[in-house]
């Protein structure tokens, strides 16, 4: 049995009082596929831009994740940046 994951694969950036991560593959489909791959085979369906490189896709390699459904289209990959302004208690 396998699981079909359809959703967002994008670049994330996070800045907090603890540090800053400029970019990295993220969003719901990325995290869900990686977590689910610990339990079953995952078929990922998502769209990314032509700036999403094979290095960016490394998060899926070595896991039970089929990325044949990861479509690359002309343009930039969706990007979401967040800034946390205070320390979490």
PDB file of N, CA and C in Angstrom:
ATOM      1  N   UNK A   1       0.848  -1.177   0.000  1.00  0.00           N
ATOM      2  CA  UNK A   1       0.000   0.000   0.000  1.00  0.00           C
ATOM      3  C   UNK A   1       0.890   1.235   0.000  1.00  0.00           C
ATOM      4  N   UNK A   2       0.411   2.305  -0.626  1.00  0.00           N
ATOM      5  CA  UNK A   2       1.166   3.562  -0.640  1.00  0.00           C
ATOM      6  C   UNK A   2       0.213   4.714  -0.340  1.00  0.00           C
ATOM      7  N   UNK A   3       0.795   5.866  -0.129  1.00  0.00           N
ATOM      8  CA  UNK A   3       0.041   7.061   0.230  1.00  0.00           C
ATOM      9  C   UNK A   3       0.293   8.127  -0.829  1.00  0.00           C
ATOM     10  N   UNK A   4      -0.752   8.797  -1.278  1.00  0.00           N
ATOM     11  CA  UNK A   4      -0.631   9.897  -2.229  1.00  0.00           C
ATOM     12  C   UNK A   4      -0.659  11.211  -1.457  1.00  0.00           C
ATOM     13  N   UNK A   5       0.384  12.019  -1.626  1.00  0.00           N
ATOM     14  CA  UNK A   5       0.466  13.332  -0.983  1.00  0.00           C
ATOM     15  C   UNK A   5       0.433  14.396  -2.077  1.00  0.00           C
ATOM     16  N   UNK A   6      -0.563  15.267  -2.024  1.00  0.00           N
ATOM     17  CA  UNK A   6      -0.719  16.358  -2.980  1.00  0.00           C
ATOM     18  C   UNK A   6      -0.721  17.652  -2.189  1.00  0.00           C
ATOM     19  N   UNK A   7       0.145  18.587  -2.554  1.00  0.00           N
ATOM     20  CA  UNK A   7       0.171  19.840  -1.807  1.00  0.00           C
ATOM     21  C   UNK A   7       1.321  20.733  -2.189  1.00  0.00           C
ATOM     22  N   UNK A   8       1.697  21.597  -1.259  1.00  0.00           N
ATOM     23  CA  UNK A   8       2.710  22.621  -1.500  1.00  0.00           C
ATOM     24  C   UNK A   8       4.109  22.136  -1.178  1.00  0.00           C
ATOM     25  N   UNK A   9       5.003  22.337  -2.129  1.00  0.00           N
ATOM     26  CA  UNK A   9       6.441  22.201  -1.912  1.00  0.00           C
ATOM     27  C   UNK A   9       7.001  23.569  -2.279  1.00  0.00           C
ATOM     28  N   UNK A  10       7.663  24.219  -1.352  1.00  0.00           N
ATOM     29  CA  UNK A  10       8.109  25.590  -1.575  1.00  0.00           C
ATOM     30  C   UNK A  10       9.398  25.849  -0.819  1.00  0.00           C
ATOM     31  N   UNK A  11       9.920  27.050  -0.958  1.00  0.00           N
ATOM     32  CA  UNK A  11      11.072  27.480  -0.179  1.00  0.00           C
ATOM     33  C   UNK A  11      10.576  28.212   1.062  1.00  0.00           C
ATOM     34  N   UNK A  12      11.198  27.908   2.181  1.00  0.00           N
ATOM     35  CA  UNK A  12      10.868  28.554   3.451  1.00  0.00           C
ATOM     36  C   UNK A  12      12.060  29.349   3.951  1.00  0.00           C
ATOM     37  N   UNK A  13      11.778  30.413   4.647  1.00  0.00           N
ATOM     38  CA  UNK A  13      12.807  31.166   5.365  1.00  0.00           C
ATOM     39  C   UNK A  13      12.223  31.529   6.729  1.00  0.00           C
ATOM     40  N   UNK A  14      13.050  31.431   7.734  1.00  0.00           N
ATOM     41  CA  UNK A  14      12.605  31.729   9.094  1.00  0.00           C
ATOM     42  C   UNK A  14      13.699  32.496   9.821  1.00  0.00           C
ATOM     43  N   UNK A  15      13.295  33.575  10.456  1.00  0.00           N
ATOM     44  CA  UNK A  15      14.211  34.348  11.294  1.00  0.00           C
ATOM     45  C   UNK A  15      13.597  34.456  12.676  1.00  0.00           C
ATOM     46  N   UNK A  16      14.396  34.156  13.697  1.00  0.00           N
ATOM     47  CA  UNK A  16      13.942  34.236  15.079  1.00  0.00           C
ATOM     48  C   UNK A  16      15.094  34.728  15.935  1.00  0.00           C
ATOM     49  N   UNK A  17      14.830  34.974  17.213  1.00  0.00           N
ATOM     50  CA  UNK A  17      15.928  35.359  18.102  1.00  0.00           C
ATOM     51  C   UNK A  17      17.011  34.282  18.199  1.00  0.00           C
ATOM     52  N   UNK A  18      16.715  33.058  17.741  1.00  0.00           N
ATOM     53  CA  UNK A  18      17.661  31.948  17.838  1.00  0.00           C
ATOM     54  C   UNK A  18      18.514  31.777  16.596  1.00  0.00           C
ATOM     55  N   UNK A  19      18.163  32.453  15.505  1.00  0.00           N
ATOM     56  CA  UNK A  19      18.941  32.326  14.278  1.00  0.00           C
ATOM     57  C   UNK A  19      18.088  32.545  13.051  1.00  0.00           C
ATOM     58  N   UNK A  20      18.720  32.294  11.912  1.00  0.00           N
ATOM     59  CA  UNK A  20      18.067  32.558  10.631  1.00  0.00           C
ATOM     60  C   UNK A  20      18.377  31.428   9.657  1.00  0.00           C
ATOM     61  N   UNK A  21      17.345  30.961   8.975  1.00  0.00           N
ATOM     62  CA  UNK A  21      17.496  29.981   7.904  1.00  0.00           C
ATOM     63  C   UNK A  21      17.023  30.674   6.640  1.00  0.00           C
ATOM     64  N   UNK A  22      17.925  30.842   5.673  1.00  0.00           N
ATOM     65  CA  UNK A  22      17.591  31.594   4.467  1.00  0.00           C
ATOM     66  C   UNK A  22      16.557  30.890   3.598  1.00  0.00           C
ATOM     67  N   UNK A  23      16.883  29.714   3.107  1.00  0.00           N
ATOM     68  CA  UNK A  23      15.930  28.973   2.289  1.00  0.00           C
ATOM     69  C   UNK A  23      16.122  27.491   2.511  1.00  0.00           C
ATOM     70  N   UNK A  24      15.090  26.786   2.270  1.00  0.00           N
ATOM     71  CA  UNK A  24      15.120  25.339   2.354  1.00  0.00           C
ATOM     72  C   UNK A  24      13.797  24.827   1.865  1.00  0.00           C
ATOM     73  N   UNK A  25      13.773  23.623   1.358  1.00  0.00           N
ATOM     74  CA  UNK A  25      12.511  23.054   0.894  1.00  0.00           C
ATOM     75  C   UNK A  25      11.600  22.858   2.093  1.00  0.00           C
ATOM     76  N   UNK A  26      10.382  23.265   1.941  1.00  0.00           N
ATOM     77  CA  UNK A  26       9.439  23.153   3.039  1.00  0.00           C
ATOM     78  C   UNK A  26       8.002  23.137   2.548  1.00  0.00           C
ATOM     79  N   UNK A  27       7.094  23.471   3.420  1.00  0.00           N
ATOM     80  CA  UNK A  27       5.648  23.520   3.235  1.00  0.00           C
ATOM     81  C   UNK A  27       5.027  22.158   3.497  1.00  0.00           C
ATOM     82  N   UNK A  28       3.727  22.127   3.484  1.00  0.00           N
ATOM     83  CA  UNK A  28       2.965  20.982   3.990  1.00  0.00           C
ATOM     84  C   UNK A  28       3.289  19.656   3.303  1.00  0.00           C
ATOM     85  N   UNK A  29       3.310  19.632   1.982  1.00  0.00           N
ATOM     86  CA  UNK A  29       3.539  18.357   1.288  1.00  0.00           C
ATOM     87  C   UNK A  29       4.935  17.817   1.564  1.00  0.00           C
ATOM     88  N   UNK A  30       5.906  18.701   1.696  1.00  0.00           N
ATOM     89  CA  UNK A  30       7.277  18.270   1.999  1.00  0.00           C
ATOM     90  C   UNK A  30       7.322  17.585   3.354  1.00  0.00           C
ATOM     91  N   UNK A  31       6.828  18.260   4.370  1.00  0.00           N
ATOM     92  CA  UNK A  31       6.896  17.725   5.731  1.00  0.00           C
ATOM     93  C   UNK A  31       6.041  16.464   5.879  1.00  0.00           C
ATOM     94  N   UNK A  32       4.868  16.477   5.265  1.00  0.00           N
ATOM     95  CA  UNK A  32       3.985  15.319   5.371  1.00  0.00           C
ATOM     96  C   UNK A  32       4.596  14.110   4.672  1.00  0.00           C
ATOM     97  N   UNK A  33       5.157  14.319   3.479  1.00  0.00           N
ATOM     98  CA  UNK A  33       5.764  13.216   2.728  1.00  0.00           C
ATOM     99  C   UNK A  33       6.945  12.617   3.485  1.00  0.00           C
ATOM    100  N   UNK A  34       7.789  13.467   4.042  1.00  0.00           N
ATOM    101  CA  UNK A  34       8.953  12.973   4.789  1.00  0.00           C
ATOM    102  C   UNK A  34       8.500  12.174   6.014  1.00  0.00           C
ATOM    103  N   UNK A  35       7.542  12.695   6.752  1.00  0.00           N
ATOM    104  CA  UNK A  35       7.057  11.983   7.946  1.00  0.00           C
ATOM    105  C   UNK A  35       6.379  10.670   7.565  1.00  0.00           C
ATOM    106  N   UNK A  36       5.523  10.708   6.559  1.00  0.00           N
ATOM    107  CA  UNK A  36       4.794   9.504   6.158  1.00  0.00           C
ATOM    108  C   UNK A  36       5.723   8.431   5.615  1.00  0.00           C
ATOM    109  N   UNK A  37       6.846   8.842   5.017  1.00  0.00           N
ATOM    110  CA  UNK A  37       7.779   7.870   4.432  1.00  0.00           C
ATOM    111  C   UNK A  37       8.434   6.981   5.488  1.00  0.00           C
ATOM    112  N   UNK A  38       8.322   7.358   6.740  1.00  0.00           N
ATOM    113  CA  UNK A  38       8.822   6.503   7.815  1.00  0.00           C
ATOM    114  C   UNK A  38       7.944   5.265   7.987  1.00  0.00           C
ATOM    115  N   UNK A  39       6.702   5.333   7.461  1.00  0.00           N
ATOM    116  CA  UNK A  39       5.741   4.262   7.672  1.00  0.00           C
ATOM    117  C   UNK A  39       5.300   3.546   6.401  1.00  0.00           C
ATOM    118  N   UNK A  40       5.345   4.241   5.265  1.00  0.00           N
ATOM    119  CA  UNK A  40       4.858   3.645   4.017  1.00  0.00           C
ATOM    120  C   UNK A  40       5.481   4.345   2.826  1.00  0.00           C
ATOM    121  N   UNK A  41       5.259   3.781   1.644  1.00  0.00           N
ATOM    122  CA  UNK A  41       5.721   4.399   0.401  1.00  0.00           C
ATOM    123  C   UNK A  41       4.832   5.601   0.090  1.00  0.00           C
ATOM    124  N   UNK A  42       5.438   6.713  -0.335  1.00  0.00           N
ATOM    125  CA  UNK A  42       4.709   7.949  -0.607  1.00  0.00           C
ATOM    126  C   UNK A  42       4.879   8.326  -2.076  1.00  0.00           C
ATOM    127  N   UNK A  43       3.782   8.695  -2.709  1.00  0.00           N
ATOM    128  CA  UNK A  43       3.798   9.272  -4.052  1.00  0.00           C
ATOM    129  C   UNK A  43       3.493  10.759  -3.894  1.00  0.00           C
ATOM    130  N   UNK A  44       4.443  11.609  -4.245  1.00  0.00           N
ATOM    131  CA  UNK A  44       4.309  13.055  -4.056  1.00  0.00           C
ATOM    132  C   UNK A  44       3.877  13.725  -5.350  1.00  0.00           C
ATOM    133  N   UNK A  45       2.856  14.587  -5.263  1.00  0.00           N
ATOM    134  CA  UNK A  45       2.401  15.387  -6.392  1.00  0.00           C
ATOM    135  C   UNK A  45       2.418  16.846  -5.952  1.00  0.00           C
ATOM    136  N   UNK A  46       3.234  17.641  -6.642  1.00  0.00           N
ATOM    137  CA  UNK A  46       3.342  19.074  -6.333  1.00  0.00           C
ATOM    138  C   UNK A  46       3.988  19.760  -7.529  1.00  0.00           C
ATOM    139  N   UNK A  47       3.970  21.071  -7.515  1.00  0.00           N
ATOM    140  CA  UNK A  47       4.594  21.833  -8.587  1.00  0.00           C
ATOM    141  C   UNK A  47       5.611  22.797  -7.980  1.00  0.00           C
ATOM    142  N   UNK A  48       6.764  22.879  -8.618  1.00  0.00           N
ATOM    143  CA  UNK A  48       7.818  23.804  -8.211  1.00  0.00           C
ATOM    144  C   UNK A  48       8.298  24.560  -9.445  1.00  0.00           C
ATOM    145  N   UNK A  49       9.055  25.612  -9.223  1.00  0.00           N
ATOM    146  CA  UNK A  49       9.593  26.398 -10.328  1.00  0.00           C
ATOM    147  C   UNK A  49      10.900  25.825 -10.846  1.00  0.00           C
ATOM    148  N   UNK A  50      11.387  26.435 -11.907  1.00  0.00           N
ATOM    149  CA  UNK A  50      12.640  25.951 -12.493  1.00  0.00           C
ATOM    150  C   UNK A  50      13.861  26.314 -11.652  1.00  0.00           C
ATOM    151  N   UNK A  51      13.664  27.070 -10.572  1.00  0.00           N
ATOM    152  CA  UNK A  51      14.761  27.370  -9.645  1.00  0.00           C
ATOM    153  C   UNK A  51      14.900  26.298  -8.561  1.00  0.00           C
ATOM    154  N   UNK A  52      14.021  25.307  -8.541  1.00  0.00           N
ATOM    155  CA  UNK A  52      14.071  24.204  -7.585  1.00  0.00           C
ATOM    156  C   UNK A  52      15.025  23.162  -8.155  1.00  0.00           C
ATOM    157  N   UNK A  53      16.201  23.057  -7.566  1.00  0.00           N
ATOM    158  CA  UNK A  53      17.267  22.225  -8.113  1.00  0.00           C
ATOM    159  C   UNK A  53      17.223  20.806  -7.550  1.00  0.00           C
ATOM    160  N   UNK A  54      18.069  19.953  -8.109  1.00  0.00           N
ATOM    161  CA  UNK A  54      18.172  18.590  -7.584  1.00  0.00           C
ATOM    162  C   UNK A  54      18.711  18.612  -6.156  1.00  0.00           C
ATOM    163  N   UNK A  55      19.515  19.609  -5.813  1.00  0.00           N
ATOM    164  CA  UNK A  55      19.990  19.751  -4.430  1.00  0.00           C
ATOM    165  C   UNK A  55      18.821  20.049  -3.498  1.00  0.00           C
ATOM    166  N   UNK A  56      17.878  20.868  -3.936  1.00  0.00           N
ATOM    167  CA  UNK A  56      16.690  21.162  -3.139  1.00  0.00           C
ATOM    168  C   UNK A  56      15.833  19.913  -2.936  1.00  0.00           C
ATOM    169  N   UNK A  57      15.827  19.033  -3.919  1.00  0.00           N
ATOM    170  CA  UNK A  57      15.019  17.811  -3.848  1.00  0.00           C
ATOM    171  C   UNK A  57      15.687  16.716  -3.014  1.00  0.00           C
ATOM    172  N   UNK A  58      16.899  16.951  -2.539  1.00  0.00           N
ATOM    173  CA  UNK A  58      17.604  15.928  -1.753  1.00  0.00           C
ATOM    174  C   UNK A  58      16.858  15.510  -0.495  1.00  0.00           C
ATOM    175  N   UNK A  59      15.991  16.368   0.018  1.00  0.00           N
ATOM    176  CA  UNK A  59      15.224  16.014   1.216  1.00  0.00           C
ATOM    177  C   UNK A  59      14.366  14.771   0.975  1.00  0.00           C
ATOM    178  N   UNK A  60      14.026  14.507  -0.297  1.00  0.00           N
ATOM    179  CA  UNK A  60      13.193  13.356  -0.629  1.00  0.00           C
ATOM    180  C   UNK A  60      14.013  12.099  -0.924  1.00  0.00           C
ATOM    181  N   UNK A  61      15.290  12.255  -1.218  1.00  0.00           N
ATOM    182  CA  UNK A  61      16.135  11.128  -1.611  1.00  0.00           C
ATOM    183  C   UNK A  61      16.464  10.246  -0.408  1.00  0.00           C
ATOM    184  N   UNK A  62      16.608   8.964  -0.662  1.00  0.00           N
ATOM    185  CA  UNK A  62      16.939   8.022   0.402  1.00  0.00           C
ATOM    186  C   UNK A  62      15.751   7.686   1.291  1.00  0.00           C
ATOM    187  N   UNK A  63      14.587   8.115   0.879  1.00  0.00           N
ATOM    188  CA  UNK A  63      13.355   7.833   1.610  1.00  0.00           C
ATOM    189  C   UNK A  63      12.400   7.116   0.667  1.00  0.00           C
ATOM    190  N   UNK A  64      11.343   6.584   1.202  1.00  0.00           N
ATOM    191  CA  UNK A  64      10.347   5.891   0.367  1.00  0.00           C
ATOM    192  C   UNK A  64       9.388   6.915  -0.245  1.00  0.00           C
ATOM    193  N   UNK A  65       9.956   7.856  -1.048  1.00  0.00           N
ATOM    194  CA  UNK A  65       9.161   8.917  -1.659  1.00  0.00           C
ATOM    195  C   UNK A  65       9.412   8.919  -3.160  1.00  0.00           C
ATOM    196  N   UNK A  66       8.350   8.713  -3.924  1.00  0.00           N
ATOM    197  CA  UNK A  66       8.402   8.779  -5.382  1.00  0.00           C
ATOM    198  C   UNK A  66       8.105  10.217  -5.792  1.00  0.00           C
ATOM    199  N   UNK A  67       9.065  10.879  -6.440  1.00  0.00           N
ATOM    200  CA  UNK A  67       8.883  12.283  -6.823  1.00  0.00           C
ATOM    201  C   UNK A  67       8.619  12.446  -8.324  1.00  0.00           C
ATOM    202  N   UNK A  68       8.151  11.371  -8.963  1.00  0.00           N
ATOM    203  CA  UNK A  68       7.779  11.477 -10.383  1.00  0.00           C
ATOM    204  C   UNK A  68       6.692  12.533 -10.580  1.00  0.00           C
ATOM    205  N   UNK A  69       5.864  12.752  -9.573  1.00  0.00           N
ATOM    206  CA  UNK A  69       4.789  13.736  -9.652  1.00  0.00           C
ATOM    207  C   UNK A  69       5.204  15.135  -9.235  1.00  0.00           C
ATOM    208  N   UNK A  70       6.507  15.344  -9.003  1.00  0.00           N
ATOM    209  CA  UNK A  70       7.011  16.679  -8.667  1.00  0.00           C
ATOM    210  C   UNK A  70       7.301  17.393  -9.978  1.00  0.00           C
ATOM    211  N   UNK A  71       6.374  18.228 -10.401  1.00  0.00           N
ATOM    212  CA  UNK A  71       6.471  18.896 -11.699  1.00  0.00           C
ATOM    213  C   UNK A  71       7.244  20.201 -11.583  1.00  0.00           C
ATOM    214  N   UNK A  72       8.164  20.402 -12.517  1.00  0.00           N
ATOM    215  CA  UNK A  72       8.900  21.663 -12.603  1.00  0.00           C
ATOM    216  C   UNK A  72       8.292  22.496 -13.722  1.00  0.00           C
ATOM    217  N   UNK A  73       7.957  23.737 -13.395  1.00  0.00           N
ATOM    218  CA  UNK A  73       7.344  24.641 -14.364  1.00  0.00           C
ATOM    219  C   UNK A  73       8.194  25.904 -14.482  1.00  0.00           C
ATOM    220  N   UNK A  74       8.033  26.608 -15.574  1.00  0.00           N
ATOM    221  CA  UNK A  74       8.750  27.864 -15.769  1.00  0.00           C
ATOM    222  C   UNK A  74       8.345  28.855 -14.681  1.00  0.00           C
ATOM    223  N   UNK A  75       9.319  29.567 -14.174  1.00  0.00           N
ATOM    224  CA  UNK A  75       9.049  30.551 -13.133  1.00  0.00           C
ATOM    225  C   UNK A  75       9.700  30.168 -11.825  1.00  0.00           C
ATOM    226  N   UNK A  76       9.399  30.944 -10.808  1.00  0.00           N
ATOM    227  CA  UNK A  76      10.011  30.719  -9.494  1.00  0.00           C
ATOM    228  C   UNK A  76       9.124  29.863  -8.608  1.00  0.00           C
ATOM    229  N   UNK A  77       9.779  29.108  -7.744  1.00  0.00           N
ATOM    230  CA  UNK A  77       9.092  28.312  -6.738  1.00  0.00           C
ATOM    231  C   UNK A  77       8.492  29.239  -5.691  1.00  0.00           C
ATOM    232  N   UNK A  78       7.310  28.904  -5.207  1.00  0.00           N
ATOM    233  CA  UNK A  78       6.658  29.684  -4.152  1.00  0.00           C
ATOM    234  C   UNK A  78       7.614  29.839  -2.968  1.00  0.00           C
ATOM    235  N   UNK A  79       7.648  31.017  -2.371  1.00  0.00           N
ATOM    236  CA  UNK A  79       8.532  31.315  -1.249  1.00  0.00           C
ATOM    237  C   UNK A  79       7.724  31.939  -0.125  1.00  0.00           C
ATOM    238  N   UNK A  80       7.963  31.473   1.095  1.00  0.00           N
ATOM    239  CA  UNK A  80       7.308  32.045   2.266  1.00  0.00           C
ATOM    240  C   UNK A  80       8.359  32.336   3.316  1.00  0.00           C
ATOM    241  N   UNK A  81       8.455  33.590   3.722  1.00  0.00           N
ATOM    242  CA  UNK A  81       9.377  33.992   4.776  1.00  0.00           C
ATOM    243  C   UNK A  81       8.612  34.417   6.013  1.00  0.00           C
ATOM    244  N   UNK A  82       9.152  34.062   7.165  1.00  0.00           N
ATOM    245  CA  UNK A  82       8.516  34.436   8.432  1.00  0.00           C
ATOM    246  C   UNK A  82       9.574  34.989   9.368  1.00  0.00           C
ATOM    247  N   UNK A  83       9.121  35.886  10.258  1.00  0.00           N
ATOM    248  CA  UNK A  83      10.006  36.458  11.258  1.00  0.00           C
ATOM    249  C   UNK A  83       9.320  36.400  12.612  1.00  0.00           C
ATOM    250  N   UNK A  84       9.970  35.762  13.562  1.00  0.00           N
ATOM    251  CA  UNK A  84       9.461  35.700  14.936  1.00  0.00           C
ATOM    252  C   UNK A  84      10.199  36.783  15.712  1.00  0.00           C
ATOM    253  N   UNK A  85       9.476  37.707  16.288  1.00  0.00           N
ATOM    254  CA  UNK A  85      10.096  38.888  16.877  1.00  0.00           C
ATOM    255  C   UNK A  85      10.465  38.720  18.356  1.00  0.00           C
ATOM    256  N   UNK A  86       9.903  37.739  19.020  1.00  0.00           N
ATOM    257  CA  UNK A  86      10.214  37.589  20.446  1.00  0.00           C
ATOM    258  C   UNK A  86      10.524  36.141  20.754  1.00  0.00           C
ATOM    259  N   UNK A  87      11.182  35.931  21.864  1.00  0.00           N
ATOM    260  CA  UNK A  87      11.502  34.586  22.299  1.00  0.00           C
ATOM    261  C   UNK A  87      10.218  33.882  22.738  1.00  0.00           C
ATOM    262  N   UNK A  88      10.135  32.602  22.405  1.00  0.00           N
ATOM    263  CA  UNK A  88       8.978  31.824  22.824  1.00  0.00           C
ATOM    264  C   UNK A  88       9.198  31.356  24.258  1.00  0.00           C
ATOM    265  N   UNK A  89       8.161  31.432  25.047  1.00  0.00           N
ATOM    266  CA  UNK A  89       8.276  31.080  26.458  1.00  0.00           C
ATOM    267  C   UNK A  89       7.813  29.673  26.705  1.00  0.00           C
TER     268      UNK A  89
END
